[in-house]
Amino acid sequence: MPEGRRPMTKEARKFRPWLVIAAALGINLMLGTHYSWSVFKKALLTDWHWTHVDASLPYTVYTAVFSLASVFGGRLQDKYGPRMVATLGGVLLGGGLMACSVSADPPAMMAAYGIAGAGAGLSLATSVPTCVKCCPPAQRGLITGIVMGGAGLAPAYISPLATWLLGRWGISAAFFWLGAGIFIVIVLMAQLLRVPGDGSRTEAPPPAAAAPGKPEYAWREMLRLPEFYKLWLAYFFMSSGGLMIISHIATIATAQANWDNGFYLVMLLAVFNSGGRITGGFLSDRFGRLPTMRAVFLIIAANLLLFSSYTTPLLLAFGAALTGLCYGAGASLIALITAEFFGLKNMGANYGIILTSWGVAGMLGPLLGGRAADLTGEYVVAYLVSAALLFAAFLLASTLKPPGTGRRASL
């Protein structure tokens, strides 16, 4: 019987939303390893002599598999509860990274990192919807931003750790020990995930209950709404530009500033990525989700137009920080808008489908940067294309409106 429908028993524990939120944050802190790919990419270029494209392909496969897994993970956690799905995600993510330690060529690395991507997709599609369902509506933006900030903050500690492991033990050992640690943490945190009404006793009605009269869209219904396609495309355009910078920032530092300490930029970007998720949620609680989103898209577009002029470590630090801030804010806003546009009941499946846009962007953004670097030796073309995509995202966001309560698609 699904977790969400178990009868109450004497052994049932009280539902403690803050414990669930803390567990979701702990899981998300393990899910930001892909933001440190630029550190591994640089090692693959220098130590194993891979091309830029070869070193970008595992990341591309990761994001593609991530997006597919998030769809299935969201639907599974809506049906069976978050604990089982998050546990499976931890096994796949940690195991995939450990498998990377024995992958010495691009195809093998793509397969192993793809397994890790499946685990990350399952875990994120579980942790975020579970958190949103537990949040009081008035604080949903801030709390969701804090939990999602865990994924953005992860590179701040993983990047120096990976850099130390790479320098001392090499690429294989770095993958193995990161995978082992992530495996343990996610599997343990997953056991604490619960949702209101899973058989536990509560001290008050579930705080995330849907508002009376507000429609709840199943995923098939959502796919018949134009708002879904606008939101999907807007997130795809934003993610493409952000991921292009994130996945290449260490090599951008070498190319534009002749600076070999680009891992510091990875750490800085991670901190601001995490802060952006909190800031975006906080501001959207006060000024609205859509106005905040439009402002974020314009700022990151302008930053991309200027990125080729960042030719010193200080200027690159500014550009990386602003990229992280806006990218992180956009990530939390997408989750919040998904919940408010299409409802909480089926958020796992709906959010998982929205996340496929991030997966497709992960194929475009990193490859766009890698191709530009291989052909021209610089990233100017990639910056211009990415900025154009962000302006397109702004235009789409300007036309977005919540689906009308009387405009329900029929199955």
Protein backbone atom coordinates (compact mmCIF):
# COMPACT_ATOMS: atom_id res chain seq x y z
CA MET A 1 0.00 0.00 0.00
CA PRO A 2 1.40 3.49 -0.84
CA GLU A 3 2.93 5.41 2.05
CA GLY A 4 0.44 8.23 1.65
CA ARG A 5 -2.51 5.88 2.40
CA ARG A 6 -1.31 3.85 5.36
CA PRO A 7 -3.81 3.70 8.23
CA MET A 8 -2.81 5.46 11.43
CA THR A 9 -1.31 3.17 14.08
CA LYS A 10 -0.29 3.64 17.70
CA GLU A 11 3.32 3.62 16.57
CA ALA A 12 2.75 6.44 14.10
CA ARG A 13 4.95 9.38 14.92
CA LYS A 14 3.91 13.00 14.96
CA PHE A 15 4.52 14.70 11.66
CA ARG A 16 7.32 17.19 12.20
CA PRO A 17 7.61 19.40 9.12
CA TRP A 18 10.88 21.02 10.19
CA LEU A 19 12.54 17.62 10.51
CA VAL A 20 11.40 16.76 6.99
CA ILE A 21 12.61 20.12 5.69
CA ALA A 22 16.01 19.57 7.35
CA ALA A 23 16.27 16.12 5.74
CA ALA A 24 15.36 17.58 2.33
CA LEU A 25 18.06 20.22 2.81
CA GLY A 26 20.58 17.53 3.70
CA ILE A 27 19.73 15.59 0.55
CA ASN A 28 19.98 18.68 -1.63
CA LEU A 29 23.40 19.46 -0.20
CA MET A 30 24.52 16.22 -1.85
CA LEU A 31 22.89 17.00 -5.21
CA GLY A 32 25.10 19.87 -6.35
CA THR A 33 28.05 17.75 -7.44
CA HIS A 34 27.34 18.44 -11.11
CA TYR A 35 27.99 22.14 -10.54
CA SER A 36 31.59 21.14 -9.82
CA TRP A 37 31.98 19.42 -13.17
CA SER A 38 34.15 22.26 -14.46
CA VAL A 39 36.80 21.22 -11.89
CA PHE A 40 36.73 17.63 -13.14
CA LYS A 41 36.56 18.83 -16.73
CA LYS A 42 39.77 20.79 -16.31
CA ALA A 43 41.50 17.70 -14.88
CA LEU A 44 40.25 15.58 -17.78
CA LEU A 45 41.68 18.13 -20.22
CA THR A 46 45.09 18.39 -18.57
CA ASP A 47 45.64 14.94 -17.04
CA TRP A 48 43.88 12.64 -19.49
CA HIS A 49 44.16 14.98 -22.53
CA TRP A 50 40.49 14.86 -23.51
CA THR A 51 39.04 17.47 -25.90
CA HIS A 52 36.61 20.12 -24.65
CA VAL A 53 33.72 18.29 -26.29
CA ASP A 54 34.72 14.89 -24.85
CA ALA A 55 35.05 16.43 -21.40
CA SER A 56 31.59 18.04 -21.74
CA LEU A 57 29.74 14.91 -22.90
CA PRO A 58 29.45 13.18 -19.48
CA TYR A 59 27.88 16.34 -18.06
CA THR A 60 25.50 16.44 -21.01
CA VAL A 61 24.45 12.82 -20.48
CA TYR A 62 24.04 13.50 -16.75
CA THR A 63 21.59 16.34 -17.34
CA ALA A 64 19.63 14.40 -19.99
CA VAL A 65 19.21 11.34 -17.76
CA PHE A 66 18.52 13.60 -14.79
CA SER A 67 15.55 15.16 -16.57
CA LEU A 68 14.05 11.79 -17.52
CA ALA A 69 14.55 10.38 -14.03
CA SER A 70 12.93 13.42 -12.46
CA VAL A 71 9.70 12.69 -14.37
CA PHE A 72 9.53 9.11 -13.12
CA GLY A 73 10.75 10.09 -9.66
CA GLY A 74 8.07 12.73 -9.30
CA ARG A 75 5.29 10.35 -10.28
CA LEU A 76 6.64 7.58 -8.04
CA GLN A 77 6.88 9.81 -4.98
CA ASP A 78 3.34 11.12 -5.54
CA LYS A 79 2.16 7.50 -5.50
CA TYR A 80 4.45 5.70 -3.06
CA GLY A 81 5.84 8.46 -0.88
CA PRO A 82 9.26 10.13 -0.81
CA ARG A 83 11.29 7.76 1.35
CA MET A 84 11.63 4.88 -1.10
CA VAL A 85 12.33 7.09 -4.10
CA ALA A 86 14.94 9.22 -2.34
CA THR A 87 16.71 6.10 -1.06
CA LEU A 88 16.92 4.69 -4.57
CA GLY A 89 18.20 8.07 -5.76
CA GLY A 90 21.01 8.01 -3.20
CA VAL A 91 22.06 4.51 -4.25
CA LEU A 92 22.20 5.48 -7.93
CA LEU A 93 23.90 8.84 -7.43
CA GLY A 94 26.58 7.53 -5.10
CA GLY A 95 27.05 4.33 -7.07
CA GLY A 96 27.29 6.21 -10.36
CA LEU A 97 30.02 8.48 -9.05
CA MET A 98 31.94 5.49 -7.71
CA ALA A 99 31.57 3.85 -11.13
CA CYS A 100 33.19 6.95 -12.65
CA SER A 101 36.34 6.00 -10.74
CA VAL A 102 36.83 3.01 -13.04
CA SER A 103 35.83 4.84 -16.24
CA ALA A 104 38.92 5.78 -18.24
CA ASP A 105 37.36 6.81 -21.58
CA PRO A 106 34.50 9.12 -22.61
CA PRO A 107 31.86 6.41 -23.34
CA ALA A 108 32.41 4.70 -19.99
CA MET A 109 32.40 8.01 -18.14
CA MET A 110 29.19 9.02 -19.93
CA ALA A 111 27.49 5.79 -18.83
CA ALA A 112 28.65 6.03 -15.21
CA TYR A 113 27.85 9.73 -14.88
CA GLY A 114 24.49 9.04 -16.49
CA ILE A 115 23.69 6.61 -13.65
CA ALA A 116 24.60 9.37 -11.21
CA GLY A 117 22.27 11.71 -13.10
CA ALA A 118 19.40 9.24 -12.69
CA GLY A 119 19.99 9.20 -8.94
CA ALA A 120 20.10 12.98 -8.73
CA GLY A 121 16.88 13.29 -10.73
CA LEU A 122 15.03 10.87 -8.45
CA SER A 123 16.32 12.61 -5.33
CA LEU A 124 15.57 16.19 -6.41
CA ALA A 125 12.11 15.30 -7.75
CA THR A 126 11.41 13.91 -4.27
CA SER A 127 13.04 16.41 -1.92
CA VAL A 128 11.64 19.63 -3.42
CA PRO A 129 7.95 18.60 -3.74
CA THR A 130 8.07 17.06 -0.25
CA CYS A 131 9.40 20.33 1.14
CA VAL A 132 6.80 22.44 -0.68
CA LYS A 133 3.97 20.27 0.66
CA CYS A 134 5.24 20.85 4.21
CA CYS A 135 5.73 24.63 3.99
CA PRO A 136 3.27 27.18 5.42
CA PRO A 137 1.93 29.10 2.38
CA ALA A 138 3.09 32.52 3.63
CA GLN A 139 6.68 31.26 3.97
CA ARG A 140 6.73 28.81 1.09
CA GLY A 141 9.08 30.87 -1.05
CA LEU A 142 11.67 31.44 1.66
CA ILE A 143 11.66 27.86 2.99
CA THR A 144 11.71 26.32 -0.47
CA GLY A 145 14.59 28.63 -1.38
CA ILE A 146 16.53 27.52 1.69
CA VAL A 147 16.04 23.83 0.88
CA MET A 148 16.87 24.30 -2.80
CA GLY A 149 19.84 26.40 -1.76
CA GLY A 150 21.46 23.22 -0.51
CA ALA A 151 21.99 22.00 -4.07
CA GLY A 152 23.46 25.35 -5.03
CA LEU A 153 25.78 25.51 -2.03
CA ALA A 154 27.21 22.01 -2.49
CA PRO A 155 30.04 23.05 -4.86
CA ALA A 156 31.33 25.46 -2.19
CA TYR A 157 32.56 22.48 -0.21
CA ILE A 158 32.74 19.83 -2.94
CA SER A 159 34.94 21.92 -5.25
CA PRO A 160 37.84 22.40 -2.79
CA LEU A 161 37.45 18.79 -1.67
CA ALA A 162 37.50 17.57 -5.26
CA THR A 163 40.44 19.83 -6.06
CA TRP A 164 42.37 18.41 -3.08
CA LEU A 165 41.50 14.83 -4.01
CA LEU A 166 42.42 15.44 -7.65
CA GLY A 167 45.76 16.94 -6.69
CA ARG A 168 46.65 14.26 -4.16
CA TRP A 169 45.11 11.07 -5.51
CA GLY A 170 43.93 11.77 -9.05
CA ILE A 171 40.64 11.67 -10.92
CA SER A 172 39.60 8.12 -10.04
CA ALA A 173 39.97 8.49 -6.27
CA ALA A 174 38.14 11.84 -6.30
CA PHE A 175 35.09 10.27 -7.93
CA PHE A 176 35.14 7.24 -5.63
CA TRP A 177 35.29 9.07 -2.29
CA LEU A 178 32.75 11.70 -3.30
CA GLY A 179 30.38 8.94 -4.39
CA ALA A 180 30.81 6.98 -1.17
CA GLY A 181 30.07 9.99 1.01
CA ILE A 182 27.03 11.02 -1.01
CA PHE A 183 25.66 7.48 -0.93
CA ILE A 184 25.75 7.37 2.88
CA VAL A 185 24.26 10.81 3.51
CA ILE A 186 21.34 10.60 1.07
CA VAL A 187 20.28 7.11 2.12
CA LEU A 188 20.27 8.17 5.79
CA MET A 189 18.42 11.46 5.16
CA ALA A 190 15.85 9.72 2.97
CA GLN A 191 14.57 7.76 5.96
CA LEU A 192 13.32 11.02 7.52
CA LEU A 193 11.23 12.15 4.55
CA ARG A 194 7.47 12.13 5.16
CA VAL A 195 4.47 14.06 3.87
CA PRO A 196 1.33 15.18 5.76
CA GLY A 197 -1.25 12.40 5.90
CA ASP A 198 1.12 9.42 5.57
CA GLY A 199 -0.26 7.79 8.70
CA SER A 200 1.54 10.09 11.13
CA ARG A 201 -0.21 12.20 13.75
CA THR A 202 -0.15 15.95 13.21
CA GLU A 203 -0.53 18.77 15.70
CA ALA A 204 -2.35 20.92 13.14
CA PRO A 205 -3.85 20.60 9.67
CA PRO A 206 -1.24 20.22 6.93
CA PRO A 207 0.06 23.76 6.28
CA ALA A 208 0.41 23.22 2.54
CA ALA A 209 -3.21 22.26 1.91
CA ALA A 210 -4.58 23.57 -1.35
CA ALA A 211 -6.71 26.70 -1.21
CA PRO A 212 -10.47 26.11 -1.55
CA GLY A 213 -11.58 26.31 -5.15
CA LYS A 214 -8.04 26.26 -6.55
CA PRO A 215 -7.75 23.65 -9.31
CA GLU A 216 -5.31 20.76 -9.05
CA TYR A 217 -3.95 19.71 -12.44
CA ALA A 218 -2.83 16.18 -13.18
CA TRP A 219 0.19 15.97 -15.46
CA ARG A 220 -1.94 15.14 -18.50
CA GLU A 221 -4.08 18.19 -17.85
CA MET A 222 -1.01 20.37 -17.35
CA LEU A 223 0.34 19.33 -20.75
CA ARG A 224 -2.80 20.76 -22.37
CA LEU A 225 -2.25 24.23 -20.93
CA PRO A 226 -0.23 26.89 -22.84
CA GLU A 227 1.20 28.06 -19.52
CA PHE A 228 3.13 24.81 -19.21
CA TYR A 229 4.91 25.29 -22.53
CA LYS A 230 5.75 28.91 -21.81
CA LEU A 231 7.15 28.00 -18.41
CA TRP A 232 9.07 25.03 -19.84
CA LEU A 233 10.68 27.13 -22.56
CA ALA A 234 11.50 30.01 -20.21
CA TYR A 235 13.31 27.67 -17.82
CA PHE A 236 15.06 25.95 -20.72
CA PHE A 237 16.40 29.25 -22.06
CA MET A 238 17.54 30.44 -18.63
CA SER A 239 19.17 27.12 -17.73
CA SER A 240 21.05 26.94 -21.04
CA GLY A 241 22.80 30.23 -20.38
CA GLY A 242 23.45 29.51 -16.73
CA LEU A 243 24.76 26.00 -17.29
CA MET A 244 27.06 27.19 -20.06
CA ILE A 245 28.85 29.43 -17.55
CA ILE A 246 28.67 26.97 -14.65
CA SER A 247 30.13 24.06 -16.59
CA HIS A 248 32.99 26.09 -18.10
CA ILE A 249 33.87 28.72 -15.50
CA ALA A 250 37.20 27.12 -14.54
CA THR A 251 38.39 27.00 -18.17
CA ILE A 252 36.91 30.46 -18.84
CA ALA A 253 39.20 31.77 -16.10
CA THR A 254 42.21 30.32 -17.90
CA ALA A 255 41.13 31.53 -21.34
CA GLN A 256 40.14 35.09 -20.42
CA ALA A 257 42.36 35.94 -17.46
CA ASN A 258 45.19 33.38 -17.78
CA TRP A 259 44.26 32.33 -14.24
CA ASP A 260 44.65 28.70 -13.21
CA ASN A 261 42.73 28.95 -9.93
CA GLY A 262 39.28 28.83 -11.48
CA PHE A 263 38.03 26.45 -8.79
CA TYR A 264 37.68 29.53 -6.57
CA LEU A 265 35.14 30.84 -9.05
CA VAL A 266 33.28 27.53 -8.82
CA MET A 267 33.08 27.99 -5.05
CA LEU A 268 31.97 31.61 -5.38
CA LEU A 269 29.35 30.72 -7.97
CA ALA A 270 28.07 27.98 -5.68
CA VAL A 271 27.67 30.31 -2.71
CA PHE A 272 25.74 32.85 -4.77
CA ASN A 273 23.73 30.09 -6.46
CA SER A 274 22.60 28.97 -3.02
CA GLY A 275 21.97 32.52 -1.85
CA GLY A 276 20.03 33.24 -5.03
CA ARG A 277 17.60 30.42 -4.32
CA ILE A 278 16.89 31.84 -0.88
CA THR A 279 16.77 35.42 -2.12
CA GLY A 280 14.52 34.55 -5.06
CA GLY A 281 12.07 32.74 -2.80
CA PHE A 282 12.12 35.54 -0.21
CA LEU A 283 11.57 38.32 -2.76
CA SER A 284 8.85 36.38 -4.54
CA ASP A 285 6.93 36.04 -1.26
CA ARG A 286 6.80 39.84 -1.15
CA PHE A 287 6.76 41.03 -4.75
CA GLY A 288 5.23 38.06 -6.56
CA ARG A 289 6.73 35.09 -8.39
CA LEU A 290 6.40 36.39 -11.96
CA PRO A 291 7.75 39.94 -11.44
CA THR A 292 10.75 38.47 -9.63
CA MET A 293 11.33 35.98 -12.43
CA ARG A 294 11.25 38.65 -15.14
CA ALA A 295 13.80 40.76 -13.27
CA VAL A 296 16.09 37.73 -12.85
CA PHE A 297 16.01 36.95 -16.58
CA LEU A 298 16.93 40.52 -17.56
CA ILE A 299 19.84 40.70 -15.13
CA ILE A 300 21.43 37.43 -16.21
CA ALA A 301 20.99 38.37 -19.89
CA ALA A 302 22.85 41.64 -19.35
CA ASN A 303 25.58 39.80 -17.43
CA LEU A 304 26.09 37.38 -20.32
CA LEU A 305 26.44 40.24 -22.79
CA LEU A 306 29.24 41.65 -20.66
CA PHE A 307 30.98 38.38 -19.84
CA SER A 308 33.61 38.59 -22.57
CA SER A 309 34.84 41.85 -21.01
CA TYR A 310 35.59 40.13 -17.70
CA THR A 311 39.33 39.65 -18.23
CA THR A 312 40.64 39.81 -14.67
CA PRO A 313 40.02 37.48 -11.72
CA LEU A 314 38.08 40.23 -9.94
CA LEU A 315 35.77 40.88 -12.89
CA LEU A 316 35.28 37.15 -13.44
CA ALA A 317 34.38 36.83 -9.76
CA PHE A 318 31.70 39.50 -10.25
CA GLY A 319 30.33 37.75 -13.33
CA ALA A 320 30.32 34.33 -11.68
CA ALA A 321 28.61 35.67 -8.55
CA LEU A 322 25.88 37.39 -10.56
CA THR A 323 25.36 34.28 -12.68
CA GLY A 324 25.01 32.13 -9.58
CA LEU A 325 22.65 34.58 -7.90
CA CYS A 326 20.26 34.79 -10.85
CA TYR A 327 20.48 31.13 -11.83
CA GLY A 328 19.72 30.06 -8.28
CA ALA A 329 16.79 32.46 -8.00
CA GLY A 330 15.34 31.15 -11.25
CA ALA A 331 15.56 27.54 -10.02
CA SER A 332 13.56 28.22 -6.85
CA LEU A 333 11.03 30.37 -8.72
CA ILE A 334 10.29 27.58 -11.20
CA ALA A 335 9.45 25.17 -8.37
CA LEU A 336 7.22 27.73 -6.67
CA ILE A 337 5.42 28.74 -9.87
CA THR A 338 4.84 25.08 -10.74
CA ALA A 339 3.12 24.59 -7.37
CA GLU A 340 1.01 27.74 -7.70
CA PHE A 341 0.04 27.28 -11.34
CA PHE A 342 -0.75 23.57 -11.29
CA GLY A 343 -1.39 22.71 -7.62
CA LEU A 344 0.26 20.68 -4.86
CA LYS A 345 -1.48 17.34 -5.17
CA ASN A 346 0.44 16.23 -8.26
CA MET A 347 3.46 18.46 -7.84
CA GLY A 348 5.94 15.59 -7.92
CA ALA A 349 4.94 14.55 -11.43
CA ASN A 350 4.35 18.10 -12.67
CA TYR A 351 7.63 19.44 -11.33
CA GLY A 352 9.47 16.43 -12.73
CA ILE A 353 8.13 17.20 -16.20
CA ILE A 354 9.09 20.87 -15.87
CA LEU A 355 12.61 19.76 -14.92
CA THR A 356 13.04 18.10 -18.33
CA SER A 357 13.70 21.62 -19.61
CA TRP A 358 16.76 21.74 -17.36
CA GLY A 359 17.89 18.41 -18.76
CA VAL A 360 17.60 19.58 -22.36
CA ALA A 361 19.40 22.79 -21.41
CA GLY A 362 22.19 20.68 -19.98
CA MET A 363 22.72 19.25 -23.44
CA LEU A 364 22.76 22.65 -25.15
CA GLY A 365 24.57 24.96 -22.73
CA PRO A 366 27.76 22.98 -21.96
CA LEU A 367 28.13 21.78 -25.56
CA LEU A 368 27.63 25.32 -26.84
CA GLY A 369 30.48 26.54 -24.66
CA GLY A 370 32.69 23.56 -25.50
CA ARG A 371 32.12 23.89 -29.23
CA ALA A 372 32.85 27.62 -29.17
CA ALA A 373 36.09 27.03 -27.25
CA ASP A 374 37.24 24.21 -29.58
CA LEU A 375 36.55 26.21 -32.78
CA THR A 376 37.54 29.74 -31.76
CA GLY A 377 39.58 29.38 -28.58
CA GLU A 378 37.18 31.70 -26.76
CA TYR A 379 33.58 31.90 -25.53
CA VAL A 380 32.25 35.09 -27.14
CA VAL A 381 29.78 33.35 -29.47
CA ALA A 382 28.50 31.21 -26.60
CA TYR A 383 27.91 34.35 -24.50
CA LEU A 384 25.95 36.07 -27.25
CA VAL A 385 23.75 33.06 -28.00
CA SER A 386 23.07 32.54 -24.30
CA ALA A 387 22.15 36.20 -23.81
CA ALA A 388 19.68 35.96 -26.70
CA LEU A 389 18.07 32.93 -25.06
CA LEU A 390 17.69 34.85 -21.79
CA PHE A 391 15.96 37.75 -23.55
CA ALA A 392 13.61 35.21 -25.11
CA ALA A 393 12.93 33.81 -21.62
CA PHE A 394 12.09 37.31 -20.40
CA LEU A 395 9.60 37.81 -23.24
CA LEU A 396 7.94 34.47 -22.46
CA ALA A 397 7.76 35.28 -18.75
CA SER A 398 6.09 38.58 -19.61
CA THR A 399 3.15 36.67 -21.14
CA LEU A 400 2.74 34.15 -18.31
CA LYS A 401 -0.44 34.18 -16.23
CA PRO A 402 -1.81 31.59 -13.77
CA PRO A 403 -4.25 29.18 -15.41
CA GLY A 404 -7.84 30.33 -14.82
CA THR A 405 -9.83 28.33 -12.29
CA GLY A 406 -12.57 27.89 -14.87
CA ARG A 407 -10.24 26.84 -17.67
CA ARG A 408 -9.54 23.24 -16.82
CA ALA A 409 -8.37 20.87 -19.46
CA SER A 410 -10.29 17.64 -19.69
CA LEU A 411 -8.66 14.23 -19.79
